[in-house]
Amino acid sequence: MTTLFISDLHLEESRPDITGAFLAFLKEKAAGAERLFILGDFFEAWIGDDERTPLQEQVAGALKALSDSGTDIFLMHGNRDFLIGEDFCQRAGVTLLADPTMIDLYGTPALLLHGDSLCTADVDYQKFRNAMRNPQMQQMMLARPLKDRQQMARQLREVSMAQNQGKAEAIMDVTPAEVVRELEAHGVQLMIHGHTHRPAVHRFEANGRPARRIVLGDWHSHLWWLDAQPDQTVELKKQPLEP
């Protein structure tokens, strides 16, 4: 039995190398796995399940094939693809997860998040996040014509890139106290998330005991994934992204 975790692939038409690497990952690494968790920012942008680009359809088909083979696939929203809905999930054979979500990882309780909610020092972003995660706001956005949403996505992307260039690196990383607060609120010692693009295994204390925070990497230049199996230490793995 194997459970795999990935995050922050940022799939888009301009990066066919990442798409190809993901499709190969499904066939070579995920085939036969018990579970696959995708912890947000799977796509670079998502403006509604009604868009259905060739890339989206190709990815949905590949996920459905893996799901039909017996692997349970779970998808969590990220800050780039929070409008992914049940229509896409049904076509892809995946289950949408709340953020955060608790799971049993072969006897070890684990808290899964995308990770952006942990970056509390970025006050402006947290205000934006709260607004965008509001169901009424999302309904208003999805009610707009597809072309309007495409333009809006481009504008939001440009604004985000401009704002991040002026922010200190520490502001865009997680707040350590928030990490401990979340672990203690859920009574667990293991957290797995993405978002920050800073893959690492962090060790510290929470609930008065040793705790771990495993950060998944983005797929800009390497494939990053977490491999968990019964009675074995979870392992953060990487592989160069072939051009």
Protein backbone atom coordinates (compact mmCIF):
# COMPACT_ATOMS: atom_id res chain seq x y z
CA MET A 1 0.00 0.00 0.00
CA THR A 2 1.21 3.47 -0.91
CA THR A 3 -0.21 6.96 -0.44
CA LEU A 4 1.21 9.78 -2.54
CA PHE A 5 0.98 13.55 -2.07
CA ILE A 6 1.67 16.26 -4.66
CA SER A 7 0.99 19.98 -4.87
CA ASP A 8 1.62 23.13 -6.88
CA LEU A 9 1.97 21.71 -10.37
CA HIS A 10 0.46 24.90 -11.82
CA LEU A 11 -0.60 23.07 -14.98
CA GLU A 12 -1.03 25.40 -17.97
CA GLU A 13 -0.80 25.25 -21.74
CA SER A 14 2.51 27.13 -21.83
CA ARG A 15 4.25 24.37 -19.82
CA PRO A 16 3.64 21.10 -21.72
CA ASP A 17 6.74 19.70 -20.02
CA ILE A 18 4.97 19.79 -16.65
CA THR A 19 1.83 18.24 -18.12
CA GLY A 20 3.88 15.48 -19.68
CA ALA A 21 5.72 14.87 -16.42
CA PHE A 22 2.43 14.63 -14.55
CA LEU A 23 0.94 12.16 -17.03
CA ALA A 24 4.07 10.04 -16.74
CA PHE A 25 3.91 10.31 -12.94
CA LEU A 26 0.40 8.87 -12.98
CA LYS A 27 1.54 5.89 -15.05
CA GLU A 28 4.92 5.28 -13.43
CA LYS A 29 4.48 6.31 -9.78
CA ALA A 30 0.76 6.50 -9.00
CA ALA A 31 -0.38 3.33 -10.80
CA GLY A 32 -1.27 0.80 -8.13
CA ALA A 33 -1.17 3.34 -5.29
CA GLU A 34 -3.92 3.21 -2.70
CA ARG A 35 -4.41 6.99 -2.59
CA LEU A 36 -3.24 10.15 -4.34
CA PHE A 37 -3.70 13.53 -2.70
CA ILE A 38 -3.34 16.73 -4.76
CA LEU A 39 -3.04 19.62 -2.29
CA GLY A 40 -3.93 22.66 -4.35
CA ASP A 41 -2.67 24.83 -7.19
CA PHE A 42 -3.00 21.82 -9.44
CA PHE A 43 -3.79 24.24 -12.26
CA GLU A 44 -2.21 27.66 -12.74
CA ALA A 45 -5.70 29.11 -13.08
CA TRP A 46 -9.28 27.83 -13.02
CA ILE A 47 -12.19 30.04 -13.97
CA GLY A 48 -14.98 27.47 -13.91
CA ASP A 49 -15.74 23.90 -14.87
CA ASP A 50 -17.43 25.12 -18.04
CA GLU A 51 -14.16 26.21 -19.68
CA ARG A 52 -13.03 22.66 -20.61
CA THR A 53 -9.80 23.34 -22.51
CA PRO A 54 -7.95 20.46 -24.23
CA LEU A 55 -5.44 20.48 -21.34
CA GLN A 56 -8.18 20.23 -18.73
CA GLU A 57 -9.90 17.43 -20.62
CA GLN A 58 -6.64 15.52 -21.05
CA VAL A 59 -5.83 15.78 -17.35
CA ALA A 60 -9.37 14.82 -16.33
CA GLY A 61 -9.21 11.75 -18.57
CA ALA A 62 -5.86 10.64 -17.12
CA LEU A 63 -7.10 11.05 -13.55
CA LYS A 64 -10.30 9.14 -14.34
CA ALA A 65 -8.28 6.26 -15.77
CA LEU A 66 -6.22 6.09 -12.57
CA SER A 67 -9.35 6.31 -10.44
CA ASP A 68 -11.04 3.55 -12.44
CA SER A 69 -7.98 1.36 -11.87
CA GLY A 70 -8.58 1.47 -8.10
CA THR A 71 -6.62 4.47 -6.80
CA ASP A 72 -8.61 6.89 -4.64
CA ILE A 73 -7.80 10.46 -5.72
CA PHE A 74 -8.41 13.54 -3.58
CA LEU A 75 -8.12 17.17 -4.65
CA MET A 76 -7.86 20.28 -2.48
CA HIS A 77 -8.34 23.84 -3.69
CA GLY A 78 -5.33 26.12 -3.92
CA ASN A 79 -5.13 29.88 -4.27
CA ARG A 80 -4.98 29.52 -8.07
CA ASP A 81 -7.73 26.96 -8.68
CA PHE A 82 -10.30 27.54 -5.93
CA LEU A 83 -13.15 27.51 -8.48
CA ILE A 84 -12.72 23.83 -9.35
CA GLY A 85 -16.15 22.31 -8.85
CA GLU A 86 -17.99 19.04 -8.65
CA ASP A 87 -18.47 18.78 -12.42
CA PHE A 88 -14.73 18.54 -13.04
CA CYS A 89 -14.30 16.23 -10.05
CA GLN A 90 -16.90 13.82 -11.40
CA ARG A 91 -15.31 13.80 -14.84
CA ALA A 92 -11.88 13.22 -13.29
CA GLY A 93 -13.00 10.65 -10.74
CA VAL A 94 -11.65 12.67 -7.82
CA THR A 95 -13.06 13.71 -4.44
CA LEU A 96 -12.87 17.37 -3.41
CA LEU A 97 -11.37 17.94 0.04
CA ALA A 98 -11.98 20.74 2.53
CA ASP A 99 -9.01 22.83 3.62
CA PRO A 100 -7.90 21.72 6.18
CA THR A 101 -8.65 17.99 6.23
CA MET A 102 -7.60 15.30 8.71
CA ILE A 103 -6.67 11.83 7.45
CA ASP A 104 -5.35 8.59 8.90
CA LEU A 105 -1.95 7.95 7.31
CA TYR A 106 -1.40 4.29 8.16
CA GLY A 107 -2.02 4.83 11.85
CA THR A 108 -0.65 8.38 12.06
CA PRO A 109 -3.17 11.24 12.10
CA ALA A 110 -2.14 13.88 9.54
CA LEU A 111 -3.46 17.37 8.89
CA LEU A 112 -3.58 18.34 5.19
CA LEU A 113 -3.73 21.94 3.95
CA HIS A 114 -2.89 23.83 0.80
CA GLY A 115 -0.79 26.10 3.01
CA ASP A 116 -1.84 29.65 2.15
CA SER A 117 -4.00 29.92 5.27
CA LEU A 118 -0.81 29.56 7.33
CA CYS A 119 0.76 32.72 5.86
CA THR A 120 -0.94 35.04 8.34
CA ALA A 121 1.76 37.72 8.19
CA ASP A 122 0.54 38.58 4.68
CA VAL A 123 -2.51 40.46 5.90
CA ASP A 124 -3.54 41.79 2.48
CA TYR A 125 -3.46 38.31 0.97
CA GLN A 126 -5.54 36.85 3.82
CA LYS A 127 -8.22 39.48 3.20
CA PHE A 128 -8.20 38.58 -0.50
CA ARG A 129 -8.33 34.86 0.33
CA ASN A 130 -11.31 35.28 2.62
CA ALA A 131 -13.15 37.24 -0.06
CA MET A 132 -12.40 34.72 -2.82
CA ARG A 133 -13.42 31.73 -0.68
CA ASN A 134 -16.81 33.29 0.08
CA PRO A 135 -19.47 31.13 -1.66
CA GLN A 136 -21.53 34.18 -2.64
CA MET A 137 -18.50 35.82 -4.23
CA GLN A 138 -17.72 32.64 -6.13
CA GLN A 139 -21.28 32.37 -7.40
CA MET A 140 -21.08 35.95 -8.66
CA MET A 141 -17.80 35.21 -10.42
CA LEU A 142 -19.09 32.02 -12.05
CA ALA A 143 -22.22 33.83 -13.26
CA ARG A 144 -20.12 36.14 -15.43
CA PRO A 145 -19.49 35.26 -19.11
CA LEU A 146 -16.53 32.99 -19.78
CA LYS A 147 -14.59 35.70 -21.62
CA ASP A 148 -15.00 38.07 -18.67
CA ARG A 149 -13.67 35.41 -16.30
CA GLN A 150 -10.69 34.74 -18.57
CA GLN A 151 -9.83 38.43 -18.55
CA MET A 152 -10.31 38.61 -14.78
CA ALA A 153 -7.96 35.66 -14.26
CA ARG A 154 -5.24 37.39 -16.32
CA GLN A 155 -5.67 40.60 -14.34
CA LEU A 156 -5.54 38.82 -10.97
CA ARG A 157 -2.40 37.00 -12.05
CA GLU A 158 -0.69 40.24 -13.05
CA VAL A 159 -1.69 41.96 -9.81
CA SER A 160 -0.48 39.00 -7.74
CA MET A 161 2.92 38.93 -9.46
CA ALA A 162 3.36 42.68 -9.00
CA GLN A 163 2.43 42.57 -5.33
CA ASN A 164 4.66 39.58 -4.54
CA GLN A 165 7.70 41.29 -6.03
CA GLY A 166 7.51 43.94 -3.33
CA LYS A 167 6.97 41.60 -0.39
CA ALA A 168 9.62 40.29 1.97
CA GLU A 169 10.27 36.57 1.67
CA ALA A 170 9.31 35.98 5.32
CA ILE A 171 5.87 37.49 4.78
CA MET A 172 5.09 34.98 2.03
CA ASP A 173 6.15 32.01 4.16
CA VAL A 174 4.07 30.35 6.87
CA THR A 175 3.81 31.88 10.34
CA PRO A 176 5.37 29.35 12.76
CA ALA A 177 2.92 30.19 15.54
CA GLU A 178 0.00 29.54 13.17
CA VAL A 179 1.42 26.12 12.30
CA VAL A 180 1.58 25.18 15.99
CA ARG A 181 -1.89 26.60 16.58
CA GLU A 182 -3.39 24.47 13.80
CA LEU A 183 -1.68 21.30 15.00
CA GLU A 184 -2.78 21.87 18.57
CA ALA A 185 -6.33 22.76 17.49
CA HIS A 186 -6.55 19.38 15.74
CA GLY A 187 -4.48 17.46 18.30
CA VAL A 188 -2.00 16.03 15.78
CA GLN A 189 1.76 15.97 15.26
CA LEU A 190 2.01 15.78 11.46
CA MET A 191 1.12 18.48 8.92
CA ILE A 192 1.47 18.21 5.13
CA HIS A 193 1.01 21.18 2.80
CA GLY A 194 2.27 22.99 -0.28
CA HIS A 195 1.83 26.59 -1.48
CA THR A 196 5.15 28.14 -0.36
CA HIS A 197 7.32 26.33 -2.96
CA ARG A 198 9.85 25.66 -0.18
CA PRO A 199 10.04 21.86 0.07
CA ALA A 200 11.41 20.65 3.38
CA VAL A 201 10.72 18.58 6.48
CA HIS A 202 10.51 20.82 9.56
CA ARG A 203 10.79 19.42 13.08
CA PHE A 204 9.59 21.32 16.16
CA GLU A 205 7.24 20.91 19.13
CA ALA A 206 3.46 21.08 19.32
CA ASN A 207 1.09 19.68 21.92
CA GLY A 208 4.19 19.30 24.11
CA ARG A 209 5.61 16.62 21.81
CA PRO A 210 7.81 16.38 18.69
CA ALA A 211 5.96 17.40 15.52
CA ARG A 212 6.68 17.51 11.81
CA ARG A 213 5.61 19.84 8.99
CA ILE A 214 6.28 18.43 5.53
CA VAL A 215 6.21 20.99 2.71
CA LEU A 216 5.69 19.76 -0.83
CA GLY A 217 7.59 21.43 -3.66
CA ASP A 218 6.29 23.01 -6.84
CA TRP A 219 6.92 21.42 -10.23
CA HIS A 220 8.69 24.35 -11.91
CA SER A 221 12.03 22.56 -12.38
CA HIS A 222 11.59 19.30 -10.43
CA LEU A 223 8.87 16.79 -9.67
CA TRP A 224 8.22 16.71 -5.91
CA TRP A 225 6.10 14.12 -4.15
CA LEU A 226 5.66 12.55 -0.74
CA ASP A 227 5.62 8.76 -0.53
CA ALA A 228 3.99 7.12 2.50
CA GLN A 229 3.75 3.40 3.18
CA PRO A 230 2.74 1.38 6.26
CA ASP A 231 5.47 0.98 8.89
CA GLN A 232 7.90 3.15 6.92
CA THR A 233 9.14 6.72 7.33
CA VAL A 234 7.35 9.06 4.94
CA GLU A 235 9.80 10.21 2.28
CA LEU A 236 9.87 13.51 0.38
CA LYS A 237 11.17 12.74 -3.10
CA LYS A 238 12.21 14.79 -6.11
CA GLN A 239 13.16 14.17 -9.73
CA PRO A 240 14.46 16.64 -12.34
CA LEU A 241 11.86 17.86 -14.79
CA GLU A 242 12.95 16.77 -18.25
CA PRO A 243 12.88 19.54 -20.90
